Amino acid sequence: MSASERDTTEFFDRLTNQVLSLRVLSYQRLRPLNSEQLNRRPAYDKWSAAQCLEHLNIVGGYYLPSLKTRLRQAQASGSTASPQVRSGWLGRYFTETAQKNNGLGDNLLRRPKQFAPTGVRLTGTVVEAFNRQLDELLRLLLLARQVDAGAVRIPNPLYPWLRLRLTDVLEALVTHIQRYVKQAEQVTKETANK
């Protein structure tokens, strides 16, 4: 598998800054919304802002504990940071696909039902849960700086035999969060006068 290399500090600084930006955006634009505003849907077959965040909470509920476990194992085994982080071709594909306008339209990346929102009337706690997950992701990014992040493998929730590099999972996860937060923002703008 071919791998691309990037400076470790720059890689983690970029991801950390992106998550911090998401955190500020969430506090400024999403947290002030009431339940009624969060649950407005632009169309029957479209998600509300709350459903976008619930989707991210479900995905984070899988990935964050898995990331934490793998990082603790890497620390316990004596893994130390290297000057460069590596990414694999499949991880880059996932990240690039998530960055596209309709990234989840690919057959390989269809949104599985287990990651779909659980309801149509969600409370404001969905925003608080999302903010807690962003805080946890920031902590995990700090831990990831201390190990050889390119050597740590994370199982995929749909295909457990598929283990991606930690660097790829972190990058794809942040990109995925950005995409759905942007969608949540667009929904709140579209439905503001409904």
Protein backbone atom coordinates (compact mmCIF):
# COMPACT_ATOMS: atom_id res chain seq x y z
CA MET A 1 0.00 0.00 0.00
CA SER A 2 1.43 3.33 -0.96
CA ALA A 3 1.48 5.95 1.73
CA SER A 4 1.83 9.69 1.66
CA GLU A 5 3.84 11.38 4.37
CA ARG A 6 3.20 14.72 6.05
CA ASP A 7 4.75 16.59 8.93
CA THR A 8 3.22 15.29 12.19
CA THR A 9 2.93 18.67 13.89
CA GLU A 10 1.36 20.35 10.86
CA PHE A 11 -1.06 17.45 10.37
CA PHE A 12 -2.33 17.52 13.96
CA ASP A 13 -2.33 21.33 14.15
CA ARG A 14 -4.56 21.46 11.08
CA LEU A 15 -7.02 18.88 12.44
CA THR A 16 -7.05 20.51 15.89
CA ASN A 17 -7.77 23.92 14.38
CA GLN A 18 -10.59 22.46 12.29
CA VAL A 19 -12.19 20.86 15.36
CA LEU A 20 -11.77 24.07 17.37
CA SER A 21 -13.51 25.98 14.56
CA LEU A 22 -16.36 23.46 14.64
CA ARG A 23 -16.60 23.89 18.40
CA VAL A 24 -16.87 27.68 18.12
CA LEU A 25 -19.42 27.38 15.32
CA SER A 26 -21.50 24.93 17.34
CA TYR A 27 -21.52 27.20 20.38
CA GLN A 28 -22.32 30.33 18.39
CA ARG A 29 -24.84 29.04 15.85
CA LEU A 30 -26.26 25.68 16.94
CA ARG A 31 -26.38 25.85 20.72
CA PRO A 32 -28.70 28.93 20.79
CA LEU A 33 -31.33 27.14 18.68
CA ASN A 34 -34.38 25.79 20.49
CA SER A 35 -35.81 22.32 19.88
CA GLU A 36 -38.38 23.58 17.40
CA GLN A 37 -35.70 25.32 15.30
CA LEU A 38 -33.42 22.29 15.46
CA ASN A 39 -36.18 19.94 14.29
CA ARG A 40 -37.41 21.91 11.25
CA ARG A 41 -36.94 19.95 8.06
CA PRO A 42 -36.66 21.59 4.64
CA ALA A 43 -38.64 18.68 3.13
CA TYR A 44 -40.17 15.43 4.30
CA ASP A 45 -37.26 13.39 2.96
CA LYS A 46 -34.55 15.77 4.23
CA TRP A 47 -32.88 15.79 7.63
CA SER A 48 -33.30 18.52 10.19
CA ALA A 49 -30.28 20.14 11.85
CA ALA A 50 -30.92 17.97 14.92
CA GLN A 51 -30.89 14.84 12.77
CA CYS A 52 -27.58 15.88 11.19
CA LEU A 53 -26.09 16.25 14.67
CA GLU A 54 -27.67 12.99 15.86
CA HIS A 55 -26.02 11.23 12.91
CA LEU A 56 -22.66 12.69 13.96
CA ASN A 57 -23.30 11.62 17.57
CA ILE A 58 -24.00 8.05 16.45
CA VAL A 59 -20.86 7.94 14.29
CA GLY A 60 -18.83 9.50 17.11
CA GLY A 61 -20.30 6.97 19.54
CA TYR A 62 -18.63 4.25 17.54
CA TYR A 63 -15.37 5.88 16.56
CA LEU A 64 -14.37 7.86 19.66
CA PRO A 65 -14.25 4.88 22.09
CA SER A 66 -12.45 2.81 19.45
CA LEU A 67 -9.90 5.60 18.90
CA LYS A 68 -9.37 5.99 22.64
CA THR A 69 -8.81 2.24 23.10
CA ARG A 70 -6.34 2.02 20.23
CA LEU A 71 -4.44 5.10 21.39
CA ARG A 72 -4.14 3.72 24.95
CA GLN A 73 -2.89 0.41 23.52
CA ALA A 74 -0.30 2.25 21.42
CA GLN A 75 0.87 4.22 24.46
CA ALA A 76 1.06 1.05 26.58
CA SER A 77 3.16 -0.67 23.93
CA GLY A 78 5.65 2.22 23.97
CA SER A 79 4.75 3.79 20.63
CA THR A 80 6.27 7.22 20.15
CA ALA A 81 5.54 9.95 17.65
CA SER A 82 7.47 10.04 14.44
CA PRO A 83 8.34 13.27 12.61
CA GLN A 84 6.08 12.26 9.70
CA VAL A 85 2.57 10.78 9.65
CA ARG A 86 1.53 8.39 6.92
CA SER A 87 -1.78 8.02 5.13
CA GLY A 88 -2.87 5.11 2.98
CA TRP A 89 -4.56 5.28 -0.41
CA LEU A 90 -7.87 3.96 0.93
CA GLY A 91 -7.94 6.49 3.75
CA ARG A 92 -7.22 9.28 1.30
CA TYR A 93 -10.06 7.98 -0.88
CA PHE A 94 -12.51 8.10 2.06
CA THR A 95 -11.44 11.63 2.97
CA GLU A 96 -11.58 12.91 -0.61
CA THR A 97 -15.00 11.33 -1.12
CA ALA A 98 -16.33 12.91 2.08
CA GLN A 99 -15.03 16.30 0.88
CA LYS A 100 -17.00 16.12 -2.36
CA ASN A 101 -20.34 17.88 -2.52
CA ASN A 102 -22.26 14.62 -2.67
CA GLY A 103 -19.60 12.42 -1.13
CA LEU A 104 -21.91 9.89 0.46
CA GLY A 105 -23.45 9.06 -2.89
CA ASP A 106 -20.72 6.51 -3.63
CA ASN A 107 -21.87 2.91 -3.23
CA LEU A 108 -18.96 2.17 -0.93
CA LEU A 109 -19.87 5.07 1.34
CA ARG A 110 -23.67 4.85 1.52
CA ARG A 111 -24.98 5.88 4.92
CA PRO A 112 -25.88 2.64 6.73
CA LYS A 113 -29.16 2.50 8.65
CA GLN A 114 -27.40 2.01 11.98
CA PHE A 115 -25.89 5.50 11.58
CA ALA A 116 -29.17 7.19 10.68
CA PRO A 117 -30.85 9.48 13.24
CA THR A 118 -33.13 7.69 15.68
CA GLY A 119 -36.02 10.14 15.66
CA VAL A 120 -37.65 13.13 14.06
CA ARG A 121 -38.23 15.13 17.28
CA LEU A 122 -34.92 15.52 19.06
CA THR A 123 -34.19 17.81 21.99
CA GLY A 124 -31.46 20.39 22.40
CA THR A 125 -29.39 17.78 24.22
CA VAL A 126 -28.31 16.57 20.78
CA VAL A 127 -26.21 19.75 20.51
CA GLU A 128 -24.72 19.24 23.97
CA ALA A 129 -23.83 15.63 23.15
CA PHE A 130 -22.22 16.82 19.92
CA ASN A 131 -20.18 19.44 21.80
CA ARG A 132 -18.99 16.80 24.30
CA GLN A 133 -17.89 14.62 21.40
CA LEU A 134 -15.93 17.50 19.90
CA ASP A 135 -14.21 17.95 23.28
CA GLU A 136 -13.38 14.24 23.36
CA LEU A 137 -12.04 14.41 19.80
CA LEU A 138 -9.76 17.29 20.83
CA ARG A 139 -8.42 15.17 23.72
CA LEU A 140 -7.83 12.25 21.37
CA LEU A 141 -5.97 14.49 18.92
CA LEU A 142 -3.63 15.44 21.77
CA LEU A 143 -3.05 11.77 22.60
CA ALA A 144 -2.52 10.90 18.92
CA ARG A 145 0.38 13.38 18.72
CA GLN A 146 2.28 11.22 21.21
CA VAL A 147 2.22 7.93 19.26
CA ASP A 148 3.15 6.75 15.79
CA ALA A 149 -0.30 7.60 14.41
CA GLY A 150 0.40 6.05 11.03
CA ALA A 151 1.05 2.67 12.65
CA VAL A 152 -2.15 2.57 14.75
CA ARG A 153 -5.00 0.78 12.97
CA ILE A 154 -8.70 1.44 13.58
CA PRO A 155 -11.38 -1.09 12.58
CA ASN A 156 -14.11 0.14 10.25
CA PRO A 157 -17.62 -0.10 11.78
CA LEU A 158 -19.12 -1.69 8.65
CA TYR A 159 -16.24 -3.96 7.74
CA PRO A 160 -14.30 -4.83 10.95
CA TRP A 161 -11.68 -6.70 8.92
CA LEU A 162 -10.85 -3.34 7.26
CA ARG A 163 -8.42 -1.49 9.51
CA LEU A 164 -7.47 2.03 8.46
CA ARG A 165 -4.57 4.06 9.76
CA LEU A 166 -5.39 6.36 12.67
CA THR A 167 -4.32 9.33 10.56
CA ASP A 168 -6.83 8.39 7.86
CA VAL A 169 -9.66 7.83 10.32
CA LEU A 170 -9.03 11.14 12.10
CA GLU A 171 -8.87 13.08 8.84
CA ALA A 172 -11.98 11.41 7.40
CA LEU A 173 -13.87 11.84 10.69
CA VAL A 174 -13.12 15.58 10.88
CA THR A 175 -14.09 15.99 7.22
CA HIS A 176 -17.31 14.07 7.85
CA ILE A 177 -18.15 16.27 10.84
CA GLN A 178 -17.49 19.43 8.82
CA ARG A 179 -19.80 18.19 6.06
CA TYR A 180 -22.75 17.47 8.35
CA VAL A 181 -22.31 20.63 10.42
CA LYS A 182 -22.39 22.59 7.16
CA GLN A 183 -25.56 20.71 6.22
CA ALA A 184 -27.10 21.48 9.64
CA GLU A 185 -26.28 25.16 9.14
CA GLN A 186 -27.83 25.18 5.68
CA VAL A 187 -30.99 23.54 7.01
CA THR A 188 -31.37 26.14 9.76
CA LYS A 189 -31.00 28.93 7.17
CA GLU A 190 -33.47 27.30 4.77
CA THR A 191 -36.07 26.72 7.48
CA ALA A 192 -35.63 29.97 9.40
CA ASN A 193 -38.89 31.46 8.11
CA LYS A 194 -41.02 28.31 8.29
